[in-house]
Amino acid sequence: MYAHHHPLAGLVYIIYGIIILSGGIYGYVKTNSRPSLISGIISAIVAAIAAAVFHRHPQLGVAIGGLLGLSLAIVFYIRYSNTKKTMPAIPIGALSLFVFFYSIFALMRIHHLMHIHKY
């Protein structure tokens, strides 16, 4: 019911998943990093789930997408702290923070709309 009021959320999670998957594939091809490939695939699947769930249960979809964004932001912050390598930690970490904050905004908007329609 409220997904149509924030239609970009599903698209944001799909694009995010594609970028994360692409990074995992790139990491595997460039450095033969299986952890990059596996984490990229898993993260892309979670992002796709968030997008799919969003259309039926918007609050749950943005919660899943937001938690994924927060989790990857933390992972890439730790990676940067340990390696001091800006690629891919800084751009993916920043993108992940964007997805997290976007999800908070979308959740607040959905909650607000639910409150308005309640009265």
PDB file of N, CA and C in Angstrom:
ATOM      1  N   MET A   1       0.811  -1.188   0.000  1.00  0.00           N
ATOM      2  CA  MET A   1       0.000   0.000   0.000  1.00  0.00           C
ATOM      3  C   MET A   1       0.862   1.262   0.000  1.00  0.00           C
ATOM      4  N   TYR A   2       1.962   1.275   0.745  1.00  0.00           N
ATOM      5  CA  TYR A   2       2.789   2.468   0.849  1.00  0.00           C
ATOM      6  C   TYR A   2       3.991   2.434  -0.078  1.00  0.00           C
ATOM      7  N   ALA A   3       4.228   1.319  -0.730  1.00  0.00           N
ATOM      8  CA  ALA A   3       5.380   1.211  -1.629  1.00  0.00           C
ATOM      9  C   ALA A   3       5.279   2.205  -2.775  1.00  0.00           C
ATOM     10  N   HIS A   4       4.057   2.496  -3.233  1.00  0.00           N
ATOM     11  CA  HIS A   4       3.921   3.422  -4.358  1.00  0.00           C
ATOM     12  C   HIS A   4       4.270   4.855  -3.954  1.00  0.00           C
ATOM     13  N   HIS A   5       4.331   5.154  -2.667  1.00  0.00           N
ATOM     14  CA  HIS A   5       4.717   6.485  -2.228  1.00  0.00           C
ATOM     15  C   HIS A   5       6.236   6.665  -2.185  1.00  0.00           C
ATOM     16  N   HIS A   6       6.951   5.595  -2.287  1.00  0.00           N
ATOM     17  CA  HIS A   6       8.415   5.669  -2.300  1.00  0.00           C
ATOM     18  C   HIS A   6       8.944   4.646  -3.298  1.00  0.00           C
ATOM     19  N   PRO A   7       8.590   4.800  -4.583  1.00  0.00           N
ATOM     20  CA  PRO A   7       8.890   3.771  -5.575  1.00  0.00           C
ATOM     21  C   PRO A   7      10.372   3.577  -5.858  1.00  0.00           C
ATOM     22  N   LEU A   8      11.206   4.547  -5.528  1.00  0.00           N
ATOM     23  CA  LEU A   8      12.627   4.419  -5.842  1.00  0.00           C
ATOM     24  C   LEU A   8      13.347   3.412  -4.954  1.00  0.00           C
ATOM     25  N   ALA A   9      12.804   3.101  -3.796  1.00  0.00           N
ATOM     26  CA  ALA A   9      13.513   2.222  -2.866  1.00  0.00           C
ATOM     27  C   ALA A   9      13.860   0.879  -3.514  1.00  0.00           C
ATOM     28  N   GLY A  10      12.915   0.259  -4.171  1.00  0.00           N
ATOM     29  CA  GLY A  10      13.198  -1.016  -4.828  1.00  0.00           C
ATOM     30  C   GLY A  10      14.295  -0.880  -5.867  1.00  0.00           C
ATOM     31  N   LEU A  11      14.248   0.189  -6.634  1.00  0.00           N
ATOM     32  CA  LEU A  11      15.265   0.437  -7.656  1.00  0.00           C
ATOM     33  C   LEU A  11      16.627   0.706  -7.025  1.00  0.00           C
ATOM     34  N   VAL A  12      16.652   1.457  -5.931  1.00  0.00           N
ATOM     35  CA  VAL A  12      17.913   1.735  -5.226  1.00  0.00           C
ATOM     36  C   VAL A  12      18.572   0.426  -4.810  1.00  0.00           C
ATOM     37  N   TYR A  13      17.791  -0.506  -4.264  1.00  0.00           N
ATOM     38  CA  TYR A  13      18.364  -1.774  -3.805  1.00  0.00           C
ATOM     39  C   TYR A  13      18.839  -2.644  -4.971  1.00  0.00           C
ATOM     40  N   ILE A  14      18.122  -2.610  -6.086  1.00  0.00           N
ATOM     41  CA  ILE A  14      18.559  -3.377  -7.267  1.00  0.00           C
ATOM     42  C   ILE A  14      19.884  -2.826  -7.795  1.00  0.00           C
ATOM     43  N   ILE A  15      19.971  -1.518  -7.947  1.00  0.00           N
ATOM     44  CA  ILE A  15      21.214  -0.903  -8.444  1.00  0.00           C
ATOM     45  C   ILE A  15      22.362  -1.169  -7.475  1.00  0.00           C
ATOM     46  N   TYR A  16      22.096  -1.036  -6.182  1.00  0.00           N
ATOM     47  CA  TYR A  16      23.107  -1.304  -5.155  1.00  0.00           C
ATOM     48  C   TYR A  16      23.595  -2.750  -5.263  1.00  0.00           C
ATOM     49  N   GLY A  17      22.677  -3.685  -5.398  1.00  0.00           N
ATOM     50  CA  GLY A  17      23.050  -5.095  -5.531  1.00  0.00           C
ATOM     51  C   GLY A  17      23.905  -5.354  -6.762  1.00  0.00           C
ATOM     52  N   ILE A  18      23.553  -4.717  -7.868  1.00  0.00           N
ATOM     53  CA  ILE A  18      24.330  -4.886  -9.106  1.00  0.00           C
ATOM     54  C   ILE A  18      25.748  -4.347  -8.914  1.00  0.00           C
ATOM     55  N   ILE A  19      25.868  -3.189  -8.274  1.00  0.00           N
ATOM     56  CA  ILE A  19      27.201  -2.608  -8.044  1.00  0.00           C
ATOM     57  C   ILE A  19      28.023  -3.505  -7.127  1.00  0.00           C
ATOM     58  N   ILE A  20      27.416  -3.991  -6.061  1.00  0.00           N
ATOM     59  CA  ILE A  20      28.132  -4.859  -5.114  1.00  0.00           C
ATOM     60  C   ILE A  20      28.539  -6.169  -5.794  1.00  0.00           C
ATOM     61  N   LEU A  21      27.631  -6.751  -6.568  1.00  0.00           N
ATOM     62  CA  LEU A  21      27.950  -7.985  -7.297  1.00  0.00           C
ATOM     63  C   LEU A  21      29.083  -7.746  -8.289  1.00  0.00           C
ATOM     64  N   SER A  22      29.016  -6.635  -9.004  1.00  0.00           N
ATOM     65  CA  SER A  22      30.075  -6.311  -9.967  1.00  0.00           C
ATOM     66  C   SER A  22      31.428  -6.178  -9.274  1.00  0.00           C
ATOM     67  N   GLY A  23      31.430  -5.546  -8.101  1.00  0.00           N
ATOM     68  CA  GLY A  23      32.672  -5.420  -7.340  1.00  0.00           C
ATOM     69  C   GLY A  23      33.209  -6.765  -6.885  1.00  0.00           C
ATOM     70  N   GLY A  24      32.320  -7.652  -6.476  1.00  0.00           N
ATOM     71  CA  GLY A  24      32.742  -8.992  -6.072  1.00  0.00           C
ATOM     72  C   GLY A  24      33.337  -9.775  -7.230  1.00  0.00           C
ATOM     73  N   ILE A  25      32.710  -9.664  -8.394  1.00  0.00           N
ATOM     74  CA  ILE A  25      33.225 -10.339  -9.593  1.00  0.00           C
ATOM     75  C   ILE A  25      34.577  -9.739  -9.984  1.00  0.00           C
ATOM     76  N   TYR A  26      34.676  -8.410  -9.938  1.00  0.00           N
ATOM     77  CA  TYR A  26      35.935  -7.741 -10.268  1.00  0.00           C
ATOM     78  C   TYR A  26      37.047  -8.181  -9.316  1.00  0.00           C
ATOM     79  N   GLY A  27      36.751  -8.236  -8.024  1.00  0.00           N
ATOM     80  CA  GLY A  27      37.740  -8.671  -7.043  1.00  0.00           C
ATOM     81  C   GLY A  27      38.197 -10.092  -7.292  1.00  0.00           C
ATOM     82  N   TYR A  28      37.268 -10.938  -7.724  1.00  0.00           N
ATOM     83  CA  TYR A  28      37.622 -12.326  -8.015  1.00  0.00           C
ATOM     84  C   TYR A  28      38.489 -12.414  -9.269  1.00  0.00           C
ATOM     85  N   VAL A  29      38.103 -11.693 -10.313  1.00  0.00           N
ATOM     86  CA  VAL A  29      38.855 -11.739 -11.573  1.00  0.00           C
ATOM     87  C   VAL A  29      40.249 -11.127 -11.404  1.00  0.00           C
ATOM     88  N   LYS A  30      40.322  -9.996 -10.695  1.00  0.00           N
ATOM     89  CA  LYS A  30      41.598  -9.287 -10.580  1.00  0.00           C
ATOM     90  C   LYS A  30      42.574  -9.979  -9.624  1.00  0.00           C
ATOM     91  N   THR A  31      42.062 -10.429  -8.473  1.00  0.00           N
ATOM     92  CA  THR A  31      42.974 -10.962  -7.450  1.00  0.00           C
ATOM     93  C   THR A  31      42.666 -12.402  -7.052  1.00  0.00           C
ATOM     94  N   ASN A  32      41.744 -13.041  -7.789  1.00  0.00           N
ATOM     95  CA  ASN A  32      41.336 -14.406  -7.490  1.00  0.00           C
ATOM     96  C   ASN A  32      40.783 -14.525  -6.057  1.00  0.00           C
ATOM     97  N   SER A  33      40.083 -13.473  -5.610  1.00  0.00           N
ATOM     98  CA  SER A  33      39.545 -13.419  -4.254  1.00  0.00           C
ATOM     99  C   SER A  33      38.167 -14.069  -4.193  1.00  0.00           C
ATOM    100  N   ARG A  34      38.140 -15.302  -3.705  1.00  0.00           N
ATOM    101  CA  ARG A  34      36.849 -15.974  -3.529  1.00  0.00           C
ATOM    102  C   ARG A  34      35.971 -15.279  -2.493  1.00  0.00           C
ATOM    103  N   PRO A  35      36.546 -14.766  -1.384  1.00  0.00           N
ATOM    104  CA  PRO A  35      35.688 -14.046  -0.428  1.00  0.00           C
ATOM    105  C   PRO A  35      34.968 -12.848  -1.071  1.00  0.00           C
ATOM    106  N   SER A  36      35.652 -12.144  -1.972  1.00  0.00           N
ATOM    107  CA  SER A  36      35.008 -11.017  -2.664  1.00  0.00           C
ATOM    108  C   SER A  36      33.829 -11.499  -3.499  1.00  0.00           C
ATOM    109  N   LEU A  37      34.034 -12.584  -4.219  1.00  0.00           N
ATOM    110  CA  LEU A  37      32.983 -13.120  -5.070  1.00  0.00           C
ATOM    111  C   LEU A  37      31.800 -13.602  -4.226  1.00  0.00           C
ATOM    112  N   ILE A  38      32.084 -14.363  -3.194  1.00  0.00           N
ATOM    113  CA  ILE A  38      31.021 -14.918  -2.353  1.00  0.00           C
ATOM    114  C   ILE A  38      30.253 -13.803  -1.642  1.00  0.00           C
ATOM    115  N   SER A  39      30.973 -12.851  -1.074  1.00  0.00           N
ATOM    116  CA  SER A  39      30.277 -11.765  -0.375  1.00  0.00           C
ATOM    117  C   SER A  39      29.504 -10.885  -1.359  1.00  0.00           C
ATOM    118  N   GLY A  40      30.024 -10.710  -2.563  1.00  0.00           N
ATOM    119  CA  GLY A  40      29.307  -9.948  -3.579  1.00  0.00           C
ATOM    120  C   GLY A  40      28.008 -10.632  -3.984  1.00  0.00           C
ATOM    121  N   ILE A  41      28.070 -11.945  -4.153  1.00  0.00           N
ATOM    122  CA  ILE A  41      26.868 -12.710  -4.525  1.00  0.00           C
ATOM    123  C   ILE A  41      25.837 -12.666  -3.397  1.00  0.00           C
ATOM    124  N   ILE A  42      26.289 -12.930  -2.175  1.00  0.00           N
ATOM    125  CA  ILE A  42      25.363 -12.926  -1.038  1.00  0.00           C
ATOM    126  C   ILE A  42      24.739 -11.545  -0.854  1.00  0.00           C
ATOM    127  N   SER A  43      25.545 -10.508  -0.930  1.00  0.00           N
ATOM    128  CA  SER A  43      25.033  -9.146  -0.766  1.00  0.00           C
ATOM    129  C   SER A  43      24.043  -8.787  -1.865  1.00  0.00           C
ATOM    130  N   ALA A  44      24.312  -9.202  -3.089  1.00  0.00           N
ATOM    131  CA  ALA A  44      23.399  -8.929  -4.200  1.00  0.00           C
ATOM    132  C   ALA A  44      22.073  -9.655  -4.002  1.00  0.00           C
ATOM    133  N   ILE A  45      22.139 -10.877  -3.488  1.00  0.00           N
ATOM    134  CA  ILE A  45      20.907 -11.627  -3.214  1.00  0.00           C
ATOM    135  C   ILE A  45      20.089 -10.922  -2.130  1.00  0.00           C
ATOM    136  N   VAL A  46      20.762 -10.474  -1.071  1.00  0.00           N
ATOM    137  CA  VAL A  46      20.052  -9.756   0.001  1.00  0.00           C
ATOM    138  C   VAL A  46      19.439  -8.464  -0.542  1.00  0.00           C
ATOM    139  N   ALA A  47      20.162  -7.749  -1.385  1.00  0.00           N
ATOM    140  CA  ALA A  47      19.627  -6.513  -1.982  1.00  0.00           C
ATOM    141  C   ALA A  47      18.404  -6.825  -2.853  1.00  0.00           C
ATOM    142  N   ALA A  48      18.461  -7.916  -3.612  1.00  0.00           N
ATOM    143  CA  ALA A  48      17.316  -8.315  -4.445  1.00  0.00           C
ATOM    144  C   ALA A  48      16.121  -8.701  -3.572  1.00  0.00           C
ATOM    145  N   ILE A  49      16.394  -9.366  -2.465  1.00  0.00           N
ATOM    146  CA  ILE A  49      15.315  -9.711  -1.530  1.00  0.00           C
ATOM    147  C   ILE A  49      14.687  -8.435  -0.977  1.00  0.00           C
ATOM    148  N   ALA A  50      15.520  -7.474  -0.584  1.00  0.00           N
ATOM    149  CA  ALA A  50      15.003  -6.200  -0.064  1.00  0.00           C
ATOM    150  C   ALA A  50      14.100  -5.531  -1.100  1.00  0.00           C
ATOM    151  N   ALA A  51      14.528  -5.522  -2.358  1.00  0.00           N
ATOM    152  CA  ALA A  51      13.729  -4.897  -3.416  1.00  0.00           C
ATOM    153  C   ALA A  51      12.415  -5.643  -3.633  1.00  0.00           C
ATOM    154  N   ALA A  52      12.477  -6.965  -3.633  1.00  0.00           N
ATOM    155  CA  ALA A  52      11.264  -7.757  -3.860  1.00  0.00           C
ATOM    156  C   ALA A  52      10.285  -7.641  -2.692  1.00  0.00           C
ATOM    157  N   VAL A  53      10.802  -7.718  -1.488  1.00  0.00           N
ATOM    158  CA  VAL A  53       9.954  -7.637  -0.296  1.00  0.00           C
ATOM    159  C   VAL A  53       9.334  -6.245  -0.174  1.00  0.00           C
ATOM    160  N   PHE A  54      10.065  -5.230  -0.585  1.00  0.00           N
ATOM    161  CA  PHE A  54       9.601  -3.852  -0.473  1.00  0.00           C
ATOM    162  C   PHE A  54       8.221  -3.646  -1.095  1.00  0.00           C
ATOM    163  N   HIS A  55       7.956  -4.293  -2.203  1.00  0.00           N
ATOM    164  CA  HIS A  55       6.696  -4.058  -2.907  1.00  0.00           C
ATOM    165  C   HIS A  55       5.483  -4.626  -2.172  1.00  0.00           C
ATOM    166  N   ARG A  56       5.673  -5.635  -1.356  1.00  0.00           N
ATOM    167  CA  ARG A  56       4.567  -6.193  -0.560  1.00  0.00           C
ATOM    168  C   ARG A  56       4.580  -5.694   0.876  1.00  0.00           C
ATOM    169  N   HIS A  57       5.768  -5.535   1.419  1.00  0.00           N
ATOM    170  CA  HIS A  57       5.942  -5.125   2.821  1.00  0.00           C
ATOM    171  C   HIS A  57       7.026  -4.043   2.867  1.00  0.00           C
ATOM    172  N   PRO A  58       6.663  -2.805   2.560  1.00  0.00           N
ATOM    173  CA  PRO A  58       7.668  -1.737   2.418  1.00  0.00           C
ATOM    174  C   PRO A  58       8.574  -1.561   3.636  1.00  0.00           C
ATOM    175  N   GLN A  59       8.018  -1.623   4.829  1.00  0.00           N
ATOM    176  CA  GLN A  59       8.849  -1.427   6.017  1.00  0.00           C
ATOM    177  C   GLN A  59       9.903  -2.518   6.138  1.00  0.00           C
ATOM    178  N   LEU A  60       9.515  -3.743   5.883  1.00  0.00           N
ATOM    179  CA  LEU A  60      10.472  -4.848   5.966  1.00  0.00           C
ATOM    180  C   LEU A  60      11.527  -4.735   4.868  1.00  0.00           C
ATOM    181  N   GLY A  61      11.106  -4.366   3.663  1.00  0.00           N
ATOM    182  CA  GLY A  61      12.054  -4.221   2.551  1.00  0.00           C
ATOM    183  C   GLY A  61      13.113  -3.169   2.824  1.00  0.00           C
ATOM    184  N   VAL A  62      12.686  -1.990   3.328  1.00  0.00           N
ATOM    185  CA  VAL A  62      13.675  -0.953   3.601  1.00  0.00           C
ATOM    186  C   VAL A  62      14.517  -1.298   4.823  1.00  0.00           C
ATOM    187  N   ALA A  63      13.951  -2.065   5.755  1.00  0.00           N
ATOM    188  CA  ALA A  63      14.757  -2.502   6.903  1.00  0.00           C
ATOM    189  C   ALA A  63      15.864  -3.448   6.440  1.00  0.00           C
ATOM    190  N   ILE A  64      15.526  -4.377   5.563  1.00  0.00           N
ATOM    191  CA  ILE A  64      16.533  -5.310   5.031  1.00  0.00           C
ATOM    192  C   ILE A  64      17.595  -4.542   4.248  1.00  0.00           C
ATOM    193  N   GLY A  65      17.163  -3.660   3.361  1.00  0.00           N
ATOM    194  CA  GLY A  65      18.112  -2.868   2.571  1.00  0.00           C
ATOM    195  C   GLY A  65      18.982  -1.988   3.441  1.00  0.00           C
ATOM    196  N   GLY A  66      18.383  -1.371   4.449  1.00  0.00           N
ATOM    197  CA  GLY A  66      19.145  -0.509   5.353  1.00  0.00           C
ATOM    198  C   GLY A  66      20.163  -1.281   6.166  1.00  0.00           C
ATOM    199  N   LEU A  67      19.769  -2.450   6.655  1.00  0.00           N
ATOM    200  CA  LEU A  67      20.718  -3.275   7.415  1.00  0.00           C
ATOM    201  C   LEU A  67      21.866  -3.759   6.538  1.00  0.00           C
ATOM    202  N   LEU A  68      21.557  -4.079   5.287  1.00  0.00           N
ATOM    203  CA  LEU A  68      22.627  -4.458   4.358  1.00  0.00           C
ATOM    204  C   LEU A  68      23.586  -3.286   4.152  1.00  0.00           C
ATOM    205  N   GLY A  69      23.041  -2.106   3.927  1.00  0.00           N
ATOM    206  CA  GLY A  69      23.887  -0.921   3.740  1.00  0.00           C
ATOM    207  C   GLY A  69      24.756  -0.651   4.956  1.00  0.00           C
ATOM    208  N   LEU A  70      24.164  -0.719   6.142  1.00  0.00           N
ATOM    209  CA  LEU A  70      24.928  -0.491   7.372  1.00  0.00           C
ATOM    210  C   LEU A  70      26.006  -1.557   7.551  1.00  0.00           C
ATOM    211  N   SER A  71      25.648  -2.812   7.322  1.00  0.00           N
ATOM    212  CA  SER A  71      26.609  -3.913   7.474  1.00  0.00           C
ATOM    213  C   SER A  71      27.806  -3.738   6.549  1.00  0.00           C
ATOM    214  N   LEU A  72      27.531  -3.425   5.283  1.00  0.00           N
ATOM    215  CA  LEU A  72      28.643  -3.272   4.341  1.00  0.00           C
ATOM    216  C   LEU A  72      29.446  -2.015   4.617  1.00  0.00           C
ATOM    217  N   ALA A  73      28.802  -0.957   5.102  1.00  0.00           N
ATOM    218  CA  ALA A  73      29.559   0.247   5.483  1.00  0.00           C
ATOM    219  C   ALA A  73      30.546  -0.089   6.599  1.00  0.00           C
ATOM    220  N   ILE A  74      30.106  -0.873   7.562  1.00  0.00           N
ATOM    221  CA  ILE A  74      30.993  -1.278   8.666  1.00  0.00           C
ATOM    222  C   ILE A  74      32.118  -2.163   8.144  1.00  0.00           C
ATOM    223  N   VAL A  75      31.770  -3.135   7.308  1.00  0.00           N
ATOM    224  CA  VAL A  75      32.781  -4.043   6.754  1.00  0.00           C
ATOM    225  C   VAL A  75      33.852  -3.255   5.991  1.00  0.00           C
ATOM    226  N   PHE A  76      33.420  -2.314   5.157  1.00  0.00           N
ATOM    227  CA  PHE A  76      34.389  -1.566   4.359  1.00  0.00           C
ATOM    228  C   PHE A  76      35.154  -0.542   5.184  1.00  0.00           C
ATOM    229  N   TYR A  77      34.564  -0.050   6.252  1.00  0.00           N
ATOM    230  CA  TYR A  77      35.305   0.818   7.173  1.00  0.00           C
ATOM    231  C   TYR A  77      36.424   0.016   7.848  1.00  0.00           C
ATOM    232  N   ILE A  78      36.091  -1.181   8.296  1.00  0.00           N
ATOM    233  CA  ILE A  78      37.097  -2.051   8.921  1.00  0.00           C
ATOM    234  C   ILE A  78      38.183  -2.407   7.908  1.00  0.00           C
ATOM    235  N   ARG A  79      37.770  -2.717   6.691  1.00  0.00           N
ATOM    236  CA  ARG A  79      38.743  -3.058   5.648  1.00  0.00           C
ATOM    237  C   ARG A  79      39.699  -1.897   5.405  1.00  0.00           C
ATOM    238  N   TYR A  80      39.157  -0.686   5.299  1.00  0.00           N
ATOM    239  CA  TYR A  80      40.011   0.482   5.090  1.00  0.00           C
ATOM    240  C   TYR A  80      40.923   0.707   6.293  1.00  0.00           C
ATOM    241  N   SER A  81      40.394   0.554   7.495  1.00  0.00           N
ATOM    242  CA  SER A  81      41.203   0.733   8.709  1.00  0.00           C
ATOM    243  C   SER A  81      42.376  -0.233   8.753  1.00  0.00           C
ATOM    244  N   ASN A  82      42.155  -1.444   8.271  1.00  0.00           N
ATOM    245  CA  ASN A  82      43.208  -2.461   8.300  1.00  0.00           C
ATOM    246  C   ASN A  82      44.212  -2.331   7.167  1.00  0.00           C
ATOM    247  N   THR A  83      43.737  -1.924   5.978  1.00  0.00           N
ATOM    248  CA  THR A  83      44.615  -1.932   4.810  1.00  0.00           C
ATOM    249  C   THR A  83      45.068  -0.545   4.351  1.00  0.00           C
ATOM    250  N   LYS A  84      44.308   0.483   4.704  1.00  0.00           N
ATOM    251  CA  LYS A  84      44.540   1.858   4.232  1.00  0.00           C
ATOM    252  C   LYS A  84      44.438   1.985   2.715  1.00  0.00           C
ATOM    253  N   LYS A  85      43.832   0.986   2.061  1.00  0.00           N
ATOM    254  CA  LYS A  85      43.598   1.045   0.618  1.00  0.00           C
ATOM    255  C   LYS A  85      42.230   1.670   0.372  1.00  0.00           C
ATOM    256  N   THR A  86      42.223   2.729  -0.430  1.00  0.00           N
ATOM    257  CA  THR A  86      40.961   3.431  -0.654  1.00  0.00           C
ATOM    258  C   THR A  86      40.004   2.655  -1.562  1.00  0.00           C
ATOM    259  N   MET A  87      40.551   1.846  -2.457  1.00  0.00           N
ATOM    260  CA  MET A  87      39.704   1.064  -3.362  1.00  0.00           C
ATOM    261  C   MET A  87      39.630  -0.375  -2.872  1.00  0.00           C
ATOM    262  N   PRO A  88      38.467  -0.930  -2.757  1.00  0.00           N
ATOM    263  CA  PRO A  88      37.137  -0.371  -2.990  1.00  0.00           C
ATOM    264  C   PRO A  88      36.485   0.200  -1.724  1.00  0.00           C
ATOM    265  N   ALA A  89      37.239   0.256  -0.627  1.00  0.00           N
ATOM    266  CA  ALA A  89      36.646   0.559   0.678  1.00  0.00           C
ATOM    267  C   ALA A  89      35.923   1.898   0.734  1.00  0.00           C
ATOM    268  N   ILE A  90      36.545   2.950   0.254  1.00  0.00           N
ATOM    269  CA  ILE A  90      35.936   4.282   0.390  1.00  0.00           C
ATOM    270  C   ILE A  90      34.687   4.429  -0.494  1.00  0.00           C
ATOM    271  N   PRO A  91      34.761   4.143  -1.800  1.00  0.00           N
ATOM    272  CA  PRO A  91      33.547   4.326  -2.599  1.00  0.00           C
ATOM    273  C   PRO A  91      32.401   3.390  -2.200  1.00  0.00           C
ATOM    274  N   ILE A  92      32.713   2.138  -1.933  1.00  0.00           N
ATOM    275  CA  ILE A  92      31.649   1.200  -1.561  1.00  0.00           C
ATOM    276  C   ILE A  92      31.139   1.496  -0.156  1.00  0.00           C
ATOM    277  N   GLY A  93      32.035   1.891   0.731  1.00  0.00           N
ATOM    278  CA  GLY A  93      31.609   2.301   2.066  1.00  0.00           C
ATOM    279  C   GLY A  93      30.689   3.504   2.017  1.00  0.00           C
ATOM    280  N   ALA A  94      31.028   4.491   1.185  1.00  0.00           N
ATOM    281  CA  ALA A  94      30.192   5.688   1.038  1.00  0.00           C
ATOM    282  C   ALA A  94      28.845   5.336   0.401  1.00  0.00           C
ATOM    283  N   LEU A  95      28.868   4.502  -0.616  1.00  0.00           N
ATOM    284  CA  LEU A  95      27.623   4.058  -1.244  1.00  0.00           C
ATOM    285  C   LEU A  95      26.753   3.315  -0.237  1.00  0.00           C
ATOM    286  N   SER A  96      27.371   2.489   0.571  1.00  0.00           N
ATOM    287  CA  SER A  96      26.636   1.720   1.573  1.00  0.00           C
ATOM    288  C   SER A  96      26.022   2.637   2.628  1.00  0.00           C
ATOM    289  N   LEU A  97      26.753   3.679   3.024  1.00  0.00           N
ATOM    290  CA  LEU A  97      26.189   4.656   3.959  1.00  0.00           C
ATOM    291  C   LEU A  97      25.015   5.394   3.320  1.00  0.00           C
ATOM    292  N   PHE A  98      25.131   5.729   2.051  1.00  0.00           N
ATOM    293  CA  PHE A  98      24.013   6.357   1.346  1.00  0.00           C
ATOM    294  C   PHE A  98      22.783   5.454   1.387  1.00  0.00           C
ATOM    295  N   VAL A  99      22.971   4.169   1.082  1.00  0.00           N
ATOM    296  CA  VAL A  99      21.846   3.231   1.089  1.00  0.00           C
ATOM    297  C   VAL A  99      21.241   3.137   2.486  1.00  0.00           C
ATOM    298  N   PHE A 100      22.085   3.107   3.506  1.00  0.00           N
ATOM    299  CA  PHE A 100      21.597   3.059   4.890  1.00  0.00           C
ATOM    300  C   PHE A 100      20.745   4.286   5.209  1.00  0.00           C
ATOM    301  N   PHE A 101      21.277   5.479   4.939  1.00  0.00           N
ATOM    302  CA  PHE A 101      20.531   6.702   5.262  1.00  0.00           C
ATOM    303  C   PHE A 101      19.298   6.869   4.373  1.00  0.00           C
ATOM    304  N   TYR A 102      19.396   6.450   3.131  1.00  0.00           N
ATOM    305  CA  TYR A 102      18.223   6.467   2.257  1.00  0.00           C
ATOM    306  C   TYR A 102      17.127   5.575   2.839  1.00  0.00           C
ATOM    307  N   SER A 103      17.522   4.423   3.349  1.00  0.00           N
ATOM    308  CA  SER A 103      16.565   3.488   3.937  1.00  0.00           C
ATOM    309  C   SER A 103      15.896   4.082   5.172  1.00  0.00           C
ATOM    310  N   ILE A 104      16.667   4.772   5.987  1.00  0.00           N
ATOM    311  CA  ILE A 104      16.080   5.433   7.158  1.00  0.00           C
ATOM    312  C   ILE A 104      15.054   6.469   6.704  1.00  0.00           C
ATOM    313  N   PHE A 105      15.417   7.265   5.705  1.00  0.00           N
ATOM    314  CA  PHE A 105      14.495   8.261   5.174  1.00  0.00           C
ATOM    315  C   PHE A 105      13.222   7.587   4.648  1.00  0.00           C
ATOM    316  N   ALA A 106      13.379   6.521   3.867  1.00  0.00           N
ATOM    317  CA  ALA A 106      12.223   5.822   3.303  1.00  0.00           C
ATOM    318  C   ALA A 106      11.355   5.237   4.413  1.00  0.00           C
ATOM    319  N   LEU A 107      11.969   4.686   5.433  1.00  0.00           N
ATOM    320  CA  LEU A 107      11.220   4.112   6.555  1.00  0.00           C
ATOM    321  C   LEU A 107      10.435   5.193   7.292  1.00  0.00           C
ATOM    322  N   MET A 108      11.063   6.332   7.502  1.00  0.00           N
ATOM    323  CA  MET A 108      10.365   7.444   8.161  1.00  0.00           C
ATOM    324  C   MET A 108       9.194   7.925   7.299  1.00  0.00           C
ATOM    325  N   ARG A 109       9.403   7.985   6.007  1.00  0.00           N
ATOM    326  CA  ARG A 109       8.337   8.423   5.088  1.00  0.00           C
ATOM    327  C   ARG A 109       7.174   7.434   5.110  1.00  0.00           C
ATOM    328  N   ILE A 110       7.462   6.162   5.068  1.00  0.00           N
ATOM    329  CA  ILE A 110       6.409   5.138   5.110  1.00  0.00           C
ATOM    330  C   ILE A 110       5.654   5.222   6.434  1.00  0.00           C
ATOM    331  N   HIS A 111       6.391   5.349   7.527  1.00  0.00           N
ATOM    332  CA  HIS A 111       5.763   5.455   8.843  1.00  0.00           C
ATOM    333  C   HIS A 111       4.862   6.691   8.905  1.00  0.00           C
ATOM    334  N   HIS A 112       5.331   7.808   8.363  1.00  0.00           N
ATOM    335  CA  HIS A 112       4.548   9.047   8.338  1.00  0.00           C
ATOM    336  C   HIS A 112       3.259   8.839   7.538  1.00  0.00           C
ATOM    337  N   LEU A 113       3.364   8.220   6.385  1.00  0.00           N
ATOM    338  CA  LEU A 113       2.188   7.990   5.551  1.00  0.00           C
ATOM    339  C   LEU A 113       1.198   7.050   6.230  1.00  0.00           C
ATOM    340  N   MET A 114       1.706   6.066   6.955  1.00  0.00           N
ATOM    341  CA  MET A 114       0.816   5.166   7.684  1.00  0.00           C
ATOM    342  C   MET A 114       0.047   5.930   8.768  1.00  0.00           C
ATOM    343  N   HIS A 115       0.735   6.852   9.409  1.00  0.00           N
ATOM    344  CA  HIS A 115       0.109   7.655  10.446  1.00  0.00           C
ATOM    345  C   HIS A 115      -0.982   8.560   9.862  1.00  0.00           C
ATOM    346  N   ILE A 116      -0.713   9.163   8.715  1.00  0.00           N
ATOM    347  CA  ILE A 116      -1.682  10.053   8.081  1.00  0.00           C
ATOM    348  C   ILE A 116      -2.943   9.274   7.682  1.00  0.00           C
ATOM    349  N   HIS A 117      -2.749   8.091   7.106  1.00  0.00           N
ATOM    350  CA  HIS A 117      -3.894   7.295   6.631  1.00  0.00           C
ATOM    351  C   HIS A 117      -4.651   6.659   7.789  1.00  0.00           C
ATOM    352  N   LYS A 118      -4.051   6.632   8.950  1.00  0.00           N
ATOM    353  CA  LYS A 118      -4.708   6.050  10.113  1.00  0.00           C
ATOM    354  C   LYS A 118      -5.842   6.953  10.590  1.00  0.00           C
ATOM    355  N   TYR A 119      -5.658   8.252  10.443  1.00  0.00           N
ATOM    356  CA  TYR A 119      -6.647   9.212  10.977  1.00  0.00           C
ATOM    357  C   TYR A 119      -7.558   9.741   9.927  1.00  0.00           C
TER     358      TYR A 119
END
